[in-house]
Amino acid sequence: MLPVMTIDELHAVLEREFPQVEGRFRITALAPHEMTVAMTVREADLRPGGTVSGPTMFGLADVTFYLATMAMIGPQTLTVTTSCTINFMRKPAGRGDMLARARILKLGRSLSVGDVLIYSANSDAPVAHASLTYAIPPDRSGVK
């Protein structure tokens, strides 16, 4: 199954529905059931010692999986996170981009299940791994 939305369409949905994150996330690759998103780390994202905060990495994982799911099902913006577990594996670099690579492992009518690996730019070793489940709203097009 091929994606039903393009990178430009996904960026437009993100800008329209979530103006508070405008320009924060850039989709760099899109394939069936897979997506890569880059996010520039800002000063506000850092913890003491120069490490990227857990909430920042969670946000990157969550947005990436949301967009990966949208790419496959279309602009159903009321799709929501129902579960996320994140494991932090090593200290990320404090500057530059972070990359998130999402994989949808199962896509059904009501759930999207998968994972996201997060990397510091220019590193092959992941800094975090998240497992996510999203609830997809029911199709109400035929409901009166």
N, C-alpha and C. Protein backbone atom coordinates (compact mmCIF):
# COMPACT_ATOMS: atom_id res chain seq x y z
N MET A 1 0.85 -1.18 0.00
CA MET A 1 0.00 0.00 0.00
C MET A 1 0.89 1.25 0.00
N LEU A 2 0.69 2.11 -0.96
CA LEU A 2 1.47 3.34 -1.07
C LEU A 2 0.88 4.45 -0.20
N PRO A 3 1.72 5.41 0.21
CA PRO A 3 1.17 6.56 0.94
C PRO A 3 0.11 7.27 0.11
N VAL A 4 -0.91 7.80 0.78
CA VAL A 4 -1.97 8.53 0.10
C VAL A 4 -1.79 10.04 0.20
N MET A 5 -0.76 10.48 0.92
CA MET A 5 -0.45 11.90 1.04
C MET A 5 1.02 12.11 0.69
N THR A 6 1.31 13.28 0.14
CA THR A 6 2.69 13.65 -0.19
C THR A 6 3.33 14.38 0.99
N ILE A 7 4.63 14.56 0.91
CA ILE A 7 5.34 15.31 1.94
C ILE A 7 4.78 16.72 2.05
N ASP A 8 4.54 17.38 0.92
CA ASP A 8 4.00 18.75 0.95
C ASP A 8 2.62 18.79 1.59
N GLU A 9 1.78 17.82 1.29
CA GLU A 9 0.44 17.76 1.90
C GLU A 9 0.53 17.55 3.40
N LEU A 10 1.45 16.71 3.83
CA LEU A 10 1.62 16.45 5.26
C LEU A 10 2.13 17.70 5.98
N HIS A 11 3.09 18.40 5.37
CA HIS A 11 3.56 19.65 5.97
C HIS A 11 2.41 20.65 6.09
N ALA A 12 1.54 20.72 5.08
CA ALA A 12 0.41 21.65 5.11
C ALA A 12 -0.56 21.30 6.24
N VAL A 13 -0.84 20.02 6.45
CA VAL A 13 -1.70 19.60 7.56
C VAL A 13 -1.08 20.00 8.89
N LEU A 14 0.20 19.75 9.04
CA LEU A 14 0.89 20.08 10.28
C LEU A 14 0.83 21.59 10.55
N GLU A 15 1.07 22.39 9.54
CA GLU A 15 1.03 23.86 9.71
C GLU A 15 -0.38 24.36 10.02
N ARG A 16 -1.39 23.77 9.37
CA ARG A 16 -2.78 24.20 9.58
C ARG A 16 -3.32 23.76 10.94
N GLU A 17 -3.08 22.52 11.31
CA GLU A 17 -3.67 21.96 12.53
C GLU A 17 -2.84 22.22 13.79
N PHE A 18 -1.54 22.41 13.61
CA PHE A 18 -0.64 22.59 14.75
C PHE A 18 0.29 23.79 14.52
N PRO A 19 -0.27 25.00 14.45
CA PRO A 19 0.56 26.17 14.16
C PRO A 19 1.64 26.41 15.21
N GLN A 20 1.45 25.88 16.42
CA GLN A 20 2.44 26.06 17.48
C GLN A 20 3.77 25.38 17.20
N VAL A 21 3.80 24.45 16.24
CA VAL A 21 5.06 23.78 15.90
C VAL A 21 5.53 24.15 14.50
N GLU A 22 5.02 25.24 13.96
CA GLU A 22 5.36 25.64 12.61
C GLU A 22 6.87 25.72 12.40
N GLY A 23 7.33 25.06 11.36
CA GLY A 23 8.74 25.09 11.01
C GLY A 23 9.63 24.23 11.88
N ARG A 24 9.06 23.54 12.85
CA ARG A 24 9.86 22.75 13.79
C ARG A 24 10.25 21.38 13.25
N PHE A 25 9.37 20.78 12.46
CA PHE A 25 9.58 19.41 11.97
C PHE A 25 9.62 19.41 10.45
N ARG A 26 10.58 18.67 9.88
CA ARG A 26 10.73 18.55 8.43
C ARG A 26 10.75 17.08 8.04
N ILE A 27 9.82 16.71 7.20
CA ILE A 27 9.81 15.34 6.69
C ILE A 27 10.92 15.24 5.65
N THR A 28 11.83 14.29 5.85
CA THR A 28 12.96 14.16 4.93
C THR A 28 12.86 12.92 4.05
N ALA A 29 12.00 11.96 4.42
CA ALA A 29 11.82 10.76 3.61
C ALA A 29 10.45 10.17 3.89
N LEU A 30 9.82 9.65 2.83
CA LEU A 30 8.50 9.02 2.95
C LEU A 30 8.47 7.81 2.04
N ALA A 31 8.07 6.68 2.60
CA ALA A 31 7.92 5.44 1.86
C ALA A 31 6.71 4.72 2.45
N PRO A 32 6.23 3.66 1.81
CA PRO A 32 5.11 2.92 2.39
C PRO A 32 5.43 2.45 3.82
N HIS A 33 4.60 2.89 4.76
CA HIS A 33 4.70 2.50 6.17
C HIS A 33 5.98 2.99 6.86
N GLU A 34 6.69 3.93 6.26
CA GLU A 34 7.92 4.46 6.86
C GLU A 34 8.04 5.95 6.61
N MET A 35 8.69 6.64 7.54
CA MET A 35 8.91 8.07 7.40
C MET A 35 10.11 8.47 8.23
N THR A 36 10.84 9.48 7.76
CA THR A 36 11.92 10.10 8.53
C THR A 36 11.61 11.57 8.67
N VAL A 37 11.76 12.08 9.91
CA VAL A 37 11.50 13.48 10.22
C VAL A 37 12.71 14.05 10.95
N ALA A 38 13.09 15.26 10.58
CA ALA A 38 14.19 15.97 11.25
C ALA A 38 13.61 17.09 12.11
N MET A 39 14.27 17.33 13.23
CA MET A 39 13.90 18.42 14.13
C MET A 39 15.19 19.07 14.61
N THR A 40 15.25 20.40 14.49
CA THR A 40 16.41 21.13 14.99
C THR A 40 16.28 21.32 16.50
N VAL A 41 17.31 20.94 17.23
CA VAL A 41 17.32 21.10 18.69
C VAL A 41 17.58 22.56 19.02
N ARG A 42 16.76 23.10 19.92
CA ARG A 42 16.91 24.49 20.36
C ARG A 42 17.37 24.52 21.82
N GLU A 43 17.79 25.67 22.25
CA GLU A 43 18.25 25.85 23.64
C GLU A 43 17.19 25.39 24.64
N ALA A 44 15.93 25.67 24.36
CA ALA A 44 14.84 25.30 25.27
C ALA A 44 14.65 23.79 25.39
N ASP A 45 15.23 23.02 24.47
CA ASP A 45 15.11 21.56 24.48
C ASP A 45 16.14 20.87 25.36
N LEU A 46 17.10 21.65 25.89
CA LEU A 46 18.23 21.05 26.59
C LEU A 46 18.01 20.97 28.10
N ARG A 47 18.57 19.94 28.68
CA ARG A 47 18.63 19.75 30.12
C ARG A 47 20.03 20.15 30.59
N PRO A 48 20.24 20.30 31.91
CA PRO A 48 21.59 20.55 32.41
C PRO A 48 22.56 19.48 31.89
N GLY A 49 23.74 19.90 31.54
CA GLY A 49 24.71 18.97 30.97
C GLY A 49 24.65 18.92 29.46
N GLY A 50 23.71 19.66 28.86
CA GLY A 50 23.64 19.75 27.42
C GLY A 50 22.93 18.61 26.72
N THR A 51 22.22 17.76 27.46
CA THR A 51 21.51 16.66 26.82
C THR A 51 20.10 17.11 26.42
N VAL A 52 19.57 16.50 25.38
CA VAL A 52 18.21 16.81 24.93
C VAL A 52 17.23 16.17 25.91
N SER A 53 16.21 16.93 26.28
CA SER A 53 15.24 16.45 27.27
C SER A 53 14.39 15.30 26.74
N GLY A 54 13.92 14.48 27.66
CA GLY A 54 13.02 13.39 27.32
C GLY A 54 11.73 13.87 26.66
N PRO A 55 11.08 14.92 27.20
CA PRO A 55 9.86 15.40 26.54
C PRO A 55 10.09 15.85 25.09
N THR A 56 11.26 16.40 24.81
CA THR A 56 11.57 16.80 23.44
C THR A 56 11.64 15.59 22.53
N MET A 57 12.32 14.53 23.00
CA MET A 57 12.42 13.32 22.20
C MET A 57 11.07 12.63 22.06
N PHE A 58 10.26 12.65 23.12
CA PHE A 58 8.91 12.09 23.03
C PHE A 58 8.11 12.85 21.98
N GLY A 59 8.19 14.18 21.98
CA GLY A 59 7.47 14.99 21.00
C GLY A 59 7.86 14.65 19.58
N LEU A 60 9.16 14.46 19.35
CA LEU A 60 9.64 14.09 18.02
C LEU A 60 9.08 12.73 17.61
N ALA A 61 9.12 11.76 18.50
CA ALA A 61 8.57 10.43 18.20
C ALA A 61 7.08 10.51 17.90
N ASP A 62 6.35 11.24 18.72
CA ASP A 62 4.90 11.34 18.59
C ASP A 62 4.51 12.02 17.27
N VAL A 63 5.11 13.13 16.95
CA VAL A 63 4.81 13.83 15.70
C VAL A 63 5.17 12.97 14.50
N THR A 64 6.31 12.30 14.55
CA THR A 64 6.75 11.47 13.43
C THR A 64 5.78 10.33 13.18
N PHE A 65 5.33 9.65 14.24
CA PHE A 65 4.41 8.53 14.03
C PHE A 65 3.04 9.03 13.59
N TYR A 66 2.60 10.17 14.12
CA TYR A 66 1.35 10.78 13.69
C TYR A 66 1.39 11.05 12.19
N LEU A 67 2.46 11.68 11.72
CA LEU A 67 2.58 11.99 10.29
C LEU A 67 2.70 10.73 9.44
N ALA A 68 3.41 9.73 9.92
CA ALA A 68 3.52 8.47 9.18
C ALA A 68 2.16 7.81 9.03
N THR A 69 1.36 7.87 10.09
CA THR A 69 0.01 7.30 10.02
C THR A 69 -0.85 8.10 9.05
N MET A 70 -0.81 9.43 9.13
CA MET A 70 -1.56 10.29 8.20
C MET A 70 -1.18 9.99 6.75
N ALA A 71 0.11 9.78 6.51
CA ALA A 71 0.57 9.51 5.15
C ALA A 71 -0.13 8.30 4.56
N MET A 72 -0.46 7.33 5.39
CA MET A 72 -1.06 6.09 4.92
C MET A 72 -2.59 6.11 4.91
N ILE A 73 -3.21 6.90 5.79
CA ILE A 73 -4.68 6.87 5.89
C ILE A 73 -5.35 8.14 5.37
N GLY A 74 -4.59 9.17 5.11
CA GLY A 74 -5.15 10.45 4.70
C GLY A 74 -5.30 11.38 5.89
N PRO A 75 -5.78 12.60 5.65
CA PRO A 75 -5.80 13.64 6.69
C PRO A 75 -6.90 13.47 7.73
N GLN A 76 -6.83 12.39 8.47
CA GLN A 76 -7.76 12.16 9.58
C GLN A 76 -7.11 12.72 10.84
N THR A 77 -7.24 14.03 11.02
CA THR A 77 -6.48 14.74 12.05
C THR A 77 -6.91 14.41 13.47
N LEU A 78 -8.05 13.74 13.65
CA LEU A 78 -8.47 13.35 15.00
C LEU A 78 -7.89 12.01 15.42
N THR A 79 -6.96 11.48 14.64
CA THR A 79 -6.20 10.30 15.05
C THR A 79 -5.37 10.70 16.26
N VAL A 80 -5.38 9.87 17.32
CA VAL A 80 -4.73 10.25 18.58
C VAL A 80 -3.85 9.14 19.13
N THR A 81 -2.86 9.54 19.90
CA THR A 81 -1.98 8.59 20.59
C THR A 81 -2.77 7.90 21.69
N THR A 82 -2.74 6.56 21.70
CA THR A 82 -3.36 5.82 22.80
C THR A 82 -2.32 5.17 23.69
N SER A 83 -1.11 4.99 23.15
CA SER A 83 -0.06 4.38 23.94
C SER A 83 1.30 4.78 23.39
N CYS A 84 2.23 5.05 24.30
CA CYS A 84 3.62 5.29 23.89
C CYS A 84 4.54 4.88 25.02
N THR A 85 5.50 4.06 24.69
CA THR A 85 6.56 3.69 25.61
C THR A 85 7.86 4.10 24.97
N ILE A 86 8.71 4.81 25.72
CA ILE A 86 9.97 5.26 25.14
C ILE A 86 11.12 4.82 26.04
N ASN A 87 12.15 4.32 25.40
CA ASN A 87 13.37 3.92 26.10
C ASN A 87 14.50 4.81 25.63
N PHE A 88 15.18 5.43 26.58
CA PHE A 88 16.32 6.29 26.28
C PHE A 88 17.58 5.45 26.40
N MET A 89 18.36 5.36 25.32
CA MET A 89 19.46 4.41 25.27
C MET A 89 20.84 5.02 25.43
N ARG A 90 21.02 6.24 25.00
CA ARG A 90 22.31 6.91 25.15
C ARG A 90 22.09 8.41 25.06
N LYS A 91 23.06 9.16 25.53
CA LYS A 91 22.96 10.62 25.55
C LYS A 91 23.03 11.17 24.12
N PRO A 92 22.02 11.96 23.73
CA PRO A 92 22.08 12.56 22.40
C PRO A 92 22.99 13.79 22.38
N ALA A 93 23.44 14.14 21.19
CA ALA A 93 24.18 15.38 21.03
C ALA A 93 23.25 16.54 21.35
N GLY A 94 23.78 17.60 21.92
CA GLY A 94 22.94 18.71 22.34
C GLY A 94 22.66 19.74 21.27
N ARG A 95 23.29 19.65 20.15
CA ARG A 95 23.12 20.66 19.09
C ARG A 95 22.82 19.97 17.77
N GLY A 96 22.27 20.73 16.84
CA GLY A 96 22.00 20.20 15.51
C GLY A 96 20.66 19.51 15.44
N ASP A 97 20.48 18.74 14.39
CA ASP A 97 19.22 18.04 14.17
C ASP A 97 19.16 16.72 14.94
N MET A 98 17.94 16.33 15.23
CA MET A 98 17.65 14.96 15.65
C MET A 98 16.79 14.38 14.55
N LEU A 99 16.97 13.10 14.27
CA LEU A 99 16.20 12.41 13.25
C LEU A 99 15.35 11.33 13.88
N ALA A 100 14.14 11.19 13.40
CA ALA A 100 13.26 10.12 13.86
C ALA A 100 12.84 9.29 12.66
N ARG A 101 12.98 7.98 12.79
CA ARG A 101 12.58 7.06 11.71
C ARG A 101 11.43 6.19 12.22
N ALA A 102 10.27 6.40 11.62
CA ALA A 102 9.07 5.67 12.03
C ALA A 102 8.81 4.49 11.10
N ARG A 103 8.29 3.40 11.71
CA ARG A 103 7.83 2.24 10.94
C ARG A 103 6.44 1.89 11.45
N ILE A 104 5.50 1.79 10.55
CA ILE A 104 4.18 1.30 10.91
C ILE A 104 4.23 -0.22 10.74
N LEU A 105 4.04 -0.93 11.83
CA LEU A 105 4.13 -2.39 11.81
C LEU A 105 2.80 -3.05 11.53
N LYS A 106 1.70 -2.39 11.95
CA LYS A 106 0.35 -2.88 11.67
C LYS A 106 -0.56 -1.68 11.51
N LEU A 107 -1.27 -1.66 10.40
CA LEU A 107 -2.22 -0.59 10.14
C LEU A 107 -3.57 -1.22 9.87
N GLY A 108 -4.50 -0.99 10.81
CA GLY A 108 -5.85 -1.51 10.65
C GLY A 108 -6.85 -0.38 10.49
N ARG A 109 -8.13 -0.72 10.57
CA ARG A 109 -9.18 0.31 10.45
C ARG A 109 -9.22 1.23 11.66
N SER A 110 -8.87 0.70 12.84
CA SER A 110 -9.02 1.51 14.05
C SER A 110 -7.71 1.77 14.79
N LEU A 111 -6.63 1.07 14.45
CA LEU A 111 -5.36 1.26 15.14
C LEU A 111 -4.18 1.28 14.16
N SER A 112 -3.20 2.08 14.51
CA SER A 112 -1.90 2.10 13.83
C SER A 112 -0.86 1.80 14.90
N VAL A 113 -0.06 0.76 14.68
CA VAL A 113 0.91 0.31 15.68
C VAL A 113 2.30 0.30 15.04
N GLY A 114 3.29 0.83 15.75
CA GLY A 114 4.63 0.81 15.21
C GLY A 114 5.66 1.33 16.17
N ASP A 115 6.80 1.72 15.61
CA ASP A 115 7.87 2.22 16.46
C ASP A 115 8.63 3.34 15.77
N VAL A 116 9.42 4.04 16.57
CA VAL A 116 10.23 5.15 16.10
C VAL A 116 11.61 5.03 16.74
N LEU A 117 12.65 5.09 15.91
CA LEU A 117 14.02 5.19 16.41
C LEU A 117 14.46 6.63 16.25
N ILE A 118 15.09 7.18 17.29
CA ILE A 118 15.55 8.56 17.28
C ILE A 118 17.07 8.58 17.30
N TYR A 119 17.64 9.43 16.45
CA TYR A 119 19.09 9.54 16.31
C TYR A 119 19.52 10.99 16.45
N SER A 120 20.71 11.22 16.97
CA SER A 120 21.36 12.52 16.81
C SER A 120 21.88 12.58 15.39
N ALA A 121 21.91 13.78 14.81
CA ALA A 121 22.43 13.91 13.45
C ALA A 121 23.84 13.38 13.38
N ASN A 122 24.17 12.79 12.25
CA ASN A 122 25.52 12.27 11.99
C ASN A 122 25.91 11.13 12.92
N SER A 123 24.93 10.39 13.42
CA SER A 123 25.21 9.23 14.27
C SER A 123 24.39 8.04 13.79
N ASP A 124 25.01 6.88 13.77
CA ASP A 124 24.30 5.67 13.38
C ASP A 124 23.69 4.94 14.57
N ALA A 125 24.02 5.37 15.78
CA ALA A 125 23.52 4.70 16.98
C ALA A 125 22.28 5.43 17.49
N PRO A 126 21.15 4.72 17.63
CA PRO A 126 19.95 5.39 18.11
C PRO A 126 20.11 5.84 19.57
N VAL A 127 19.49 6.99 19.88
CA VAL A 127 19.53 7.50 21.25
C VAL A 127 18.26 7.14 22.01
N ALA A 128 17.17 6.81 21.27
CA ALA A 128 15.91 6.43 21.93
C ALA A 128 15.09 5.55 20.98
N HIS A 129 14.23 4.74 21.60
CA HIS A 129 13.31 3.89 20.84
C HIS A 129 11.94 4.03 21.47
N ALA A 130 10.93 4.32 20.64
CA ALA A 130 9.56 4.46 21.13
C ALA A 130 8.66 3.46 20.41
N SER A 131 7.74 2.85 21.17
CA SER A 131 6.69 2.01 20.62
C SER A 131 5.39 2.77 20.78
N LEU A 132 4.62 2.91 19.69
CA LEU A 132 3.42 3.73 19.73
C LEU A 132 2.22 3.01 19.15
N THR A 133 1.05 3.37 19.67
CA THR A 133 -0.23 2.96 19.11
C THR A 133 -1.09 4.20 18.98
N TYR A 134 -1.71 4.34 17.82
CA TYR A 134 -2.62 5.45 17.55
C TYR A 134 -4.01 4.90 17.28
N ALA A 135 -5.04 5.57 17.80
CA ALA A 135 -6.42 5.24 17.49
C ALA A 135 -6.86 6.08 16.29
N ILE A 136 -7.42 5.40 15.30
CA ILE A 136 -7.91 6.06 14.10
C ILE A 136 -9.42 6.23 14.27
N PRO A 137 -9.93 7.46 14.07
CA PRO A 137 -11.38 7.65 14.26
C PRO A 137 -12.18 6.85 13.25
N PRO A 138 -13.37 6.40 13.65
CA PRO A 138 -14.21 5.65 12.71
C PRO A 138 -14.66 6.54 11.56
N ASP A 139 -14.88 5.93 10.41
CA ASP A 139 -15.39 6.66 9.26
C ASP A 139 -16.85 6.99 9.51
N ARG A 140 -17.16 8.25 9.60
CA ARG A 140 -18.52 8.70 9.88
C ARG A 140 -19.20 9.27 8.64
N SER A 141 -18.62 9.00 7.47
CA SER A 141 -19.16 9.60 6.25
C SER A 141 -20.58 9.14 5.95
N GLY A 142 -20.94 7.91 6.35
CA GLY A 142 -22.28 7.41 6.08
C GLY A 142 -23.26 7.59 7.23
N VAL A 143 -22.79 8.18 8.35
CA VAL A 143 -23.63 8.36 9.53
C VAL A 143 -24.44 9.65 9.39
N LYS A 144 -25.75 9.57 9.70
CA LYS A 144 -26.59 10.77 9.63
C LYS A 144 -26.65 11.48 10.94
